[in-house]
């Protein structure tokens, strides 16, 4: 420990060994041995110059606190890296100074494990892009695609909003099933529902999610609340986009996503994540659950997502003639026009069936074609 060494002995060691790398842990101990701050600064400066004049790179630690700040050591240093332990146990790293070099402002995540220390840089969307053609992608259900003006464009963000049980996740899975038919991969991040439960529901609707996952066309990942930081989640998602080349990502749901962020602002983090996905040409589906009492009103979310999303599909549950029915309508489509009518959906063992509501003065049409599982 440095507390058992004098400055003279450290200087003697420098002359004798002439090290290329020096690590002093920690200079805080030396501070407590000095009679005053001025002498401490003078001794530290002399010590550091002894090593640097010999061409050594010096790294030292300091245990800063409110009672003993280390602003003086930061001033003497060419680089400053701050390590913090958050209330939830997560570790962060932030570079605030690095003379002669550029650096990515923090904070960044740090993990310690059997493989050593790993630093996960925070996501900067503007640093990532991939060329893509903004063609339409469809659900494979003609009536639904007609309602949405032909489908949703690649590289856009679609909000699926409605009360529990209205079919939001199933509708998103339909787009993923159709993507698999085109040879494209998808990724579904679940923040609330278990994977086994989701697959059971898909089996009942004859949606081949299980087979898609087995063939590597679909990545299913359950995100446990409070176990991920926003940066860790962003890196998990980046792996799917940059290594597995997924074309569709669904986040299910916003409420669970917000819980998993451990107190971070979900709107800010969601904007960062979605902007990255848009830059990479990935189509994003976000599931948002709203209270059943307000679902019929033309509001799309419990907080304002309007600047973020390009498309909004509003789902609802209504009772008509004593029967519970599922409704869907397009509330927003930034990239073009869309059908303003309501549509009704039925989820059956043969797939999703959609019936467009009649225009004023016209009789209701019969059920449209259904989308059976491949």
Protein backbone atom coordinates (compact mmCIF):
# COMPACT_ATOMS: atom_id res chain seq x y z
CA UNK A 1 0.00 0.00 0.00
CA UNK A 2 1.18 3.50 -0.75
CA UNK A 3 0.68 4.45 2.91
CA UNK A 4 3.79 2.41 3.77
CA UNK A 5 5.95 4.01 1.14
CA UNK A 6 7.56 7.42 1.17
CA UNK A 7 7.73 9.59 -1.92
CA UNK A 8 11.50 9.09 -1.90
CA UNK A 9 11.22 5.31 -2.02
CA UNK A 10 8.77 5.53 -4.90
CA UNK A 11 11.17 7.75 -6.80
CA UNK A 12 14.01 5.33 -6.06
CA UNK A 13 11.92 2.48 -7.40
CA UNK A 14 11.25 4.48 -10.56
CA UNK A 15 14.98 5.05 -11.10
CA UNK A 16 15.81 1.40 -10.48
CA UNK A 17 13.11 -0.35 -12.49
CA UNK A 18 12.19 2.33 -15.07
CA UNK A 19 8.71 0.86 -15.63
CA UNK A 20 6.67 1.55 -18.74
CA UNK A 21 3.37 1.21 -16.89
CA UNK A 22 2.67 2.38 -13.36
CA UNK A 23 -0.49 1.80 -11.36
CA UNK A 24 -0.91 3.54 -7.99
CA UNK A 25 -3.86 2.39 -5.89
CA UNK A 26 -4.75 4.76 -4.41
CA UNK A 27 -3.54 8.36 -4.10
CA UNK A 28 -6.30 8.95 -1.60
CA UNK A 29 -4.18 7.12 0.98
CA UNK A 30 -1.30 9.52 0.34
CA UNK A 31 -3.59 12.50 0.85
CA UNK A 32 -4.26 11.40 4.42
CA UNK A 33 -0.49 11.29 5.16
CA UNK A 34 0.12 14.91 4.16
CA UNK A 35 -0.27 17.79 6.64
CA UNK A 36 -2.09 20.03 4.17
CA UNK A 37 -3.51 20.15 0.65
CA UNK A 38 -0.72 22.29 -0.82
CA UNK A 39 1.97 19.82 0.23
CA UNK A 40 -0.09 16.91 -1.05
CA UNK A 41 -0.38 18.51 -4.50
CA UNK A 42 3.34 19.29 -4.63
CA UNK A 43 4.32 15.75 -3.65
CA UNK A 44 1.89 14.15 -6.14
CA UNK A 45 3.08 16.40 -8.96
CA UNK A 46 6.72 15.52 -8.22
CA UNK A 47 5.89 11.83 -8.09
CA UNK A 48 3.98 11.84 -11.38
CA UNK A 49 6.71 13.82 -13.16
CA UNK A 50 9.33 11.33 -11.99
CA UNK A 51 7.51 8.54 -13.82
CA UNK A 52 6.39 10.50 -16.88
CA UNK A 53 9.84 12.00 -17.46
CA UNK A 54 11.05 8.42 -17.87
CA UNK A 55 8.35 7.78 -20.49
CA UNK A 56 6.04 5.79 -18.25
CA UNK A 57 2.26 5.81 -18.51
CA UNK A 58 0.77 6.35 -15.06
CA UNK A 59 -2.64 5.23 -13.93
CA UNK A 60 -3.84 5.98 -10.44
CA UNK A 61 -7.07 5.67 -8.52
CA UNK A 62 -8.77 8.13 -6.23
CA UNK A 63 -11.68 7.52 -3.89
CA UNK A 64 -13.54 10.79 -4.15
CA UNK A 65 -16.27 11.79 -1.73
CA UNK A 66 -18.09 14.90 -0.60
CA UNK A 67 -15.75 15.11 2.39
CA UNK A 68 -12.61 14.57 0.29
CA UNK A 69 -13.10 15.73 -3.32
CA UNK A 70 -10.36 15.02 -5.85
CA UNK A 71 -10.67 18.05 -8.13
CA UNK A 72 -6.97 18.77 -7.64
CA UNK A 73 -6.01 15.32 -8.96
CA UNK A 74 -8.31 15.76 -11.96
CA UNK A 75 -6.52 19.02 -12.75
CA UNK A 76 -3.11 17.31 -12.65
CA UNK A 77 -4.23 14.43 -14.87
CA UNK A 78 -4.27 14.14 -18.66
CA UNK A 79 -7.25 11.82 -18.54
CA UNK A 80 -10.12 11.27 -16.12
CA UNK A 81 -12.27 8.13 -16.04
CA UNK A 82 -15.03 8.02 -13.43
CA UNK A 83 -16.44 4.68 -12.24
CA UNK A 84 -19.73 4.62 -10.37
CA UNK A 85 -21.93 1.99 -8.76
CA UNK A 86 -25.62 2.83 -9.20
CA UNK A 87 -28.36 2.21 -6.66
CA UNK A 88 -29.60 -0.80 -8.67
CA UNK A 89 -26.13 -2.38 -8.62
CA UNK A 90 -25.19 -1.47 -12.18
CA UNK A 91 -21.70 -0.12 -12.87
CA UNK A 92 -21.02 2.83 -15.17
CA UNK A 93 -17.93 4.40 -16.66
CA UNK A 94 -17.60 7.97 -17.92
CA UNK A 95 -14.66 9.66 -19.63
CA UNK A 96 -14.69 13.38 -18.85
CA UNK A 97 -11.15 14.30 -19.92
CA UNK A 98 -8.55 12.87 -22.30
CA UNK A 99 -5.97 15.37 -23.50
CA UNK A 100 -4.96 15.03 -27.14
CA UNK A 101 -7.72 12.55 -27.99
CA UNK A 102 -11.40 12.51 -28.77
CA UNK A 103 -13.72 10.35 -26.71
CA UNK A 104 -17.34 9.28 -26.49
CA UNK A 105 -19.08 11.07 -23.62
CA UNK A 106 -20.64 8.76 -21.05
CA UNK A 107 -21.98 7.21 -19.06
CA UNK A 108 -21.26 3.73 -20.42
CA UNK A 109 -22.06 0.39 -18.83
CA UNK A 110 -19.43 -1.80 -17.20
CA UNK A 111 -19.84 -5.50 -16.45
CA UNK A 112 -17.47 -7.71 -14.43
CA UNK A 113 -17.57 -11.45 -14.93
CA UNK A 114 -15.60 -14.58 -15.67
CA UNK A 115 -14.38 -13.03 -18.93
CA UNK A 116 -13.08 -9.96 -17.12
CA UNK A 117 -14.23 -6.38 -17.52
CA UNK A 118 -16.44 -5.43 -20.43
CA UNK A 119 -17.40 -1.86 -21.33
CA UNK A 120 -20.62 -1.31 -23.29
CA UNK A 121 -20.62 2.14 -24.93
CA UNK A 122 -23.89 4.02 -24.92
CA UNK A 123 -25.80 4.02 -28.19
CA UNK A 124 -25.38 7.06 -30.46
CA UNK A 125 -27.92 6.60 -33.32
CA UNK A 126 -26.20 9.06 -35.66
CA UNK A 127 -23.10 6.84 -35.70
CA UNK A 128 -25.03 3.92 -37.21
CA UNK A 129 -26.73 3.63 -40.58
CA UNK A 130 -27.33 1.12 -43.33
CA UNK A 131 -28.66 1.75 -46.85
CA UNK A 132 -32.14 0.33 -47.47
CA UNK A 133 -35.05 0.71 -49.85
CA UNK A 134 -38.18 2.05 -48.07
CA UNK A 135 -40.52 -0.44 -49.72
CA UNK A 136 -43.84 -1.49 -48.22
CA UNK A 137 -44.01 -4.53 -45.98
CA UNK A 138 -47.41 -6.07 -45.46
CA UNK A 139 -49.20 -8.33 -43.04
CA UNK A 140 -50.41 -10.83 -45.63
CA UNK A 141 -54.02 -9.95 -44.78
CA UNK A 142 -55.37 -7.99 -47.78
CA UNK A 143 -58.08 -6.17 -45.83
CA UNK A 144 -55.69 -5.06 -43.11
CA UNK A 145 -53.07 -3.95 -45.64
CA UNK A 146 -55.72 -2.00 -47.56
CA UNK A 147 -56.71 -0.30 -44.32
CA UNK A 148 -53.08 0.76 -43.80
CA UNK A 149 -52.61 2.10 -47.32
CA UNK A 150 -50.86 -1.03 -48.56
CA UNK A 151 -48.84 -1.80 -45.44
CA UNK A 152 -46.10 -0.06 -43.47
CA UNK A 153 -42.85 1.15 -44.95
CA UNK A 154 -39.55 -0.43 -44.07
CA UNK A 155 -37.58 1.62 -41.58
CA UNK A 156 -40.65 3.07 -39.85
CA UNK A 157 -42.03 2.74 -36.34
CA UNK A 158 -45.52 1.37 -35.82
CA UNK A 159 -47.41 1.67 -32.55
CA UNK A 160 -49.95 -1.07 -31.77
CA UNK A 161 -52.11 0.45 -29.05
CA UNK A 162 -55.14 -0.98 -27.28
CA UNK A 163 -56.49 -2.62 -24.12
CA UNK A 164 -55.47 -6.04 -22.85
CA UNK A 165 -56.79 -8.83 -25.04
CA UNK A 166 -57.39 -6.70 -28.12
CA UNK A 167 -54.78 -8.54 -30.22
CA UNK A 168 -51.80 -6.17 -30.27
CA UNK A 169 -49.08 -8.79 -29.93
CA UNK A 170 -50.81 -11.19 -32.30
CA UNK A 171 -51.06 -8.49 -34.94
CA UNK A 172 -47.36 -7.78 -34.62
CA UNK A 173 -46.58 -11.48 -34.88
CA UNK A 174 -48.55 -11.57 -38.13
CA UNK A 175 -46.12 -9.13 -39.72
CA UNK A 176 -43.22 -11.30 -38.48
CA UNK A 177 -44.80 -14.44 -39.94
CA UNK A 178 -45.16 -12.75 -43.29
CA UNK A 179 -41.56 -11.55 -43.10
CA UNK A 180 -40.38 -15.14 -42.55
CA UNK A 181 -42.18 -16.09 -45.76
CA UNK A 182 -39.98 -13.53 -47.54
CA UNK A 183 -36.86 -15.03 -45.94
CA UNK A 184 -36.43 -12.20 -43.42
CA UNK A 185 -35.60 -12.61 -39.74
CA UNK A 186 -37.34 -10.89 -36.83
CA UNK A 187 -36.72 -10.35 -33.13
CA UNK A 188 -39.36 -10.10 -30.40
CA UNK A 189 -38.39 -8.73 -27.00
CA UNK A 190 -40.91 -9.64 -24.32
CA UNK A 191 -41.02 -7.52 -21.18
CA UNK A 192 -44.14 -9.04 -19.62
CA UNK A 193 -45.22 -12.32 -21.18
CA UNK A 194 -43.28 -15.57 -20.93
CA UNK A 195 -41.99 -17.15 -24.12
CA UNK A 196 -43.81 -20.43 -23.41
CA UNK A 197 -47.13 -18.61 -23.04
CA UNK A 198 -46.57 -16.69 -26.25
CA UNK A 199 -45.75 -19.85 -28.21
CA UNK A 200 -48.83 -21.57 -26.80
CA UNK A 201 -51.02 -18.72 -28.03
CA UNK A 202 -49.32 -18.80 -31.42
CA UNK A 203 -49.93 -22.56 -31.70
CA UNK A 204 -53.64 -22.03 -31.01
CA UNK A 205 -53.79 -19.56 -33.91
CA UNK A 206 -51.68 -21.83 -36.12
CA UNK A 207 -48.97 -19.21 -36.32
CA UNK A 208 -45.67 -21.03 -36.92
CA UNK A 209 -43.63 -19.02 -34.41
CA UNK A 210 -42.17 -22.16 -32.89
CA UNK A 211 -40.90 -23.34 -36.25
CA UNK A 212 -39.64 -19.86 -37.11
CA UNK A 213 -37.62 -19.81 -33.90
CA UNK A 214 -36.20 -23.28 -34.56
CA UNK A 215 -35.13 -22.26 -38.07
CA UNK A 216 -33.47 -19.10 -36.79
CA UNK A 217 -36.00 -16.82 -38.47
CA UNK A 218 -37.26 -15.47 -35.14
CA UNK A 219 -35.37 -14.51 -32.01
CA UNK A 220 -37.46 -14.55 -28.83
CA UNK A 221 -36.01 -12.96 -25.72
CA UNK A 222 -37.63 -12.47 -22.34
CA UNK A 223 -36.35 -9.33 -20.63
CA UNK A 224 -36.63 -9.62 -16.87
CA UNK A 225 -37.59 -6.32 -15.21
CA UNK A 226 -34.73 -4.48 -13.47
CA UNK A 227 -32.13 -6.91 -14.86
CA UNK A 228 -31.18 -4.80 -17.87
CA UNK A 229 -29.90 -1.27 -18.20
CA UNK A 230 -30.85 0.74 -21.33
CA UNK A 231 -27.32 0.29 -22.69
CA UNK A 232 -27.35 -3.48 -22.13
CA UNK A 233 -30.72 -3.72 -23.85
CA UNK A 234 -29.46 -1.62 -26.75
CA UNK A 235 -26.46 -3.93 -27.19
CA UNK A 236 -28.70 -7.02 -27.14
CA UNK A 237 -30.82 -5.43 -29.83
CA UNK A 238 -27.78 -4.31 -31.84
CA UNK A 239 -26.53 -7.88 -31.87
CA UNK A 240 -29.76 -8.99 -33.51
CA UNK A 241 -29.63 -6.22 -36.11
CA UNK A 242 -25.92 -6.23 -36.95
CA UNK A 243 -25.06 -9.92 -36.49
CA UNK A 244 -28.32 -11.70 -37.36
CA UNK A 245 -29.58 -9.03 -39.78
CA UNK A 246 -33.14 -8.96 -38.47
CA UNK A 247 -35.55 -6.80 -40.46
CA UNK A 248 -38.37 -6.49 -37.90
CA UNK A 249 -38.13 -5.79 -34.17
CA UNK A 250 -41.08 -5.78 -31.79
CA UNK A 251 -40.98 -4.44 -28.23
CA UNK A 252 -43.80 -5.84 -26.09
CA UNK A 253 -44.67 -3.67 -24.29
CA UNK A 254 -43.95 -0.02 -23.39
CA UNK A 255 -45.05 -0.52 -19.77
CA UNK A 256 -42.68 -3.45 -19.31
CA UNK A 257 -39.93 -1.62 -21.16
CA UNK A 258 -40.26 1.33 -18.78
CA UNK A 259 -40.06 -1.00 -15.78
CA UNK A 260 -36.94 -2.67 -17.16
CA UNK A 261 -35.18 0.68 -17.47
CA UNK A 262 -34.72 1.03 -13.72
CA UNK A 263 -35.88 4.63 -13.38
CA UNK A 264 -34.57 5.99 -16.69
CA UNK A 265 -36.86 8.12 -18.84
CA UNK A 266 -38.55 5.55 -21.13
CA UNK A 267 -39.43 8.12 -23.79
CA UNK A 268 -35.83 9.31 -24.14
CA UNK A 269 -34.39 5.78 -24.20
CA UNK A 270 -37.08 4.59 -26.61
CA UNK A 271 -36.34 7.48 -28.95
CA UNK A 272 -32.63 6.58 -28.97
CA UNK A 273 -33.34 2.92 -29.63
CA UNK A 274 -35.92 3.51 -32.34
CA UNK A 275 -33.84 6.14 -34.14
CA UNK A 276 -31.00 3.63 -34.36
CA UNK A 277 -33.37 0.99 -35.77
CA UNK A 278 -34.78 3.42 -38.33
CA UNK A 279 -31.25 4.35 -39.44
CA UNK A 280 -30.56 0.64 -39.96
CA UNK A 281 -33.71 0.15 -42.06
CA UNK A 282 -35.43 -2.02 -39.44
CA UNK A 283 -39.22 -1.94 -39.12
CA UNK A 284 -40.22 -1.46 -35.49
CA UNK A 285 -43.48 -2.51 -33.82
CA UNK A 286 -44.15 -1.18 -30.33
CA UNK A 287 -46.94 -2.62 -28.22
CA UNK A 288 -48.69 -0.20 -25.90
CA UNK A 289 -51.47 -1.18 -23.51
CA UNK A 290 -54.09 1.41 -22.60
CA UNK A 291 -56.97 1.25 -20.18
CA UNK A 292 -60.14 -0.26 -21.67
CA UNK A 293 -62.19 2.72 -20.52
CA UNK A 294 -60.12 5.10 -22.68
CA UNK A 295 -59.27 2.80 -25.60
CA UNK A 296 -62.24 3.99 -27.64
CA UNK A 297 -60.99 7.55 -27.58
CA UNK A 298 -58.57 8.42 -30.32
CA UNK A 299 -55.54 8.48 -28.06
CA UNK A 300 -52.63 6.22 -28.85
CA UNK A 301 -50.61 6.05 -25.65
CA UNK A 302 -50.45 6.84 -21.96
CA UNK A 303 -47.73 9.37 -22.83
CA UNK A 304 -47.02 11.31 -25.99
CA UNK A 305 -45.31 9.19 -28.62
CA UNK A 306 -46.44 11.30 -31.57
CA UNK A 307 -42.97 12.67 -32.44
CA UNK A 308 -41.53 9.16 -32.35
CA UNK A 309 -43.92 6.88 -34.24
CA UNK A 310 -44.72 6.91 -37.95
CA UNK A 311 -47.79 4.67 -37.87
CA UNK A 312 -50.47 4.08 -35.25
CA UNK A 313 -52.86 1.13 -35.29
CA UNK A 314 -55.52 1.58 -32.64
CA UNK A 315 -57.18 -1.59 -31.37
CA UNK A 316 -60.26 -1.82 -29.18
CA UNK A 317 -62.77 -4.20 -27.63
CA UNK A 318 -66.48 -3.41 -28.05
CA UNK A 319 -69.73 -5.17 -27.25
CA UNK A 320 -72.13 -5.29 -30.19
CA UNK A 321 -75.41 -7.18 -30.02
CA UNK A 322 -74.27 -8.98 -26.91
CA UNK A 323 -70.98 -10.18 -28.44
CA UNK A 324 -67.45 -9.00 -27.72
CA UNK A 325 -65.68 -7.90 -30.89
CA UNK A 326 -62.21 -6.66 -31.69
CA UNK A 327 -61.79 -3.46 -33.69
CA UNK A 328 -58.80 -1.97 -35.46
CA UNK A 329 -58.31 1.34 -37.24
CA UNK A 330 -55.36 3.27 -38.55
CA UNK A 331 -54.92 6.49 -36.61
CA UNK A 332 -51.74 7.73 -38.29
CA UNK A 333 -49.57 6.93 -41.30
CA UNK A 334 -46.79 9.43 -41.83
CA UNK A 335 -45.69 8.07 -45.21
CA UNK A 336 -49.02 8.26 -47.05
CA UNK A 337 -52.79 8.10 -46.98
CA UNK A 338 -54.84 5.32 -45.40
CA UNK A 339 -58.41 4.06 -45.10
CA UNK A 340 -60.24 5.92 -42.35
CA UNK A 341 -62.76 3.15 -41.70
CA UNK A 342 -62.99 0.74 -38.83
CA UNK A 343 -62.31 -2.95 -39.30
CA UNK A 344 -63.23 -5.97 -37.21
CA UNK A 345 -60.81 -8.78 -36.43
CA UNK A 346 -61.40 -12.36 -35.43
CA UNK A 347 -58.54 -14.57 -34.22
CA UNK A 348 -59.39 -18.15 -35.10
CA UNK A 349 -57.60 -21.47 -35.39
CA UNK A 350 -57.36 -20.72 -39.11
CA UNK A 351 -55.59 -17.41 -38.59
CA UNK A 352 -56.64 -13.77 -38.45
CA UNK A 353 -59.80 -12.75 -40.28
CA UNK A 354 -60.50 -9.10 -41.01
CA UNK A 355 -63.77 -7.45 -42.04
CA UNK A 356 -63.72 -3.84 -43.16
CA UNK A 357 -66.58 -1.77 -41.81
CA UNK A 358 -68.93 -0.46 -44.54
CA UNK A 359 -68.72 3.08 -45.82
CA UNK A 360 -71.70 5.25 -44.90
CA UNK A 361 -74.76 4.13 -46.82
CA UNK A 362 -73.31 0.76 -47.79
CA UNK A 363 -74.05 -2.60 -46.26
CA UNK A 364 -71.41 -4.44 -44.39
CA UNK A 365 -69.30 -6.74 -46.51
CA UNK A 366 -68.82 -10.39 -45.78
CA UNK A 367 -65.70 -11.47 -44.03
CA UNK A 368 -62.59 -10.88 -46.10
CA UNK A 369 -60.00 -13.44 -46.80
CA UNK A 370 -58.26 -14.96 -43.85
CA UNK A 371 -54.59 -15.46 -43.39
CA UNK A 372 -53.96 -19.12 -42.65
CA UNK A 373 -50.62 -20.23 -41.29
CA UNK A 374 -48.02 -21.37 -43.78
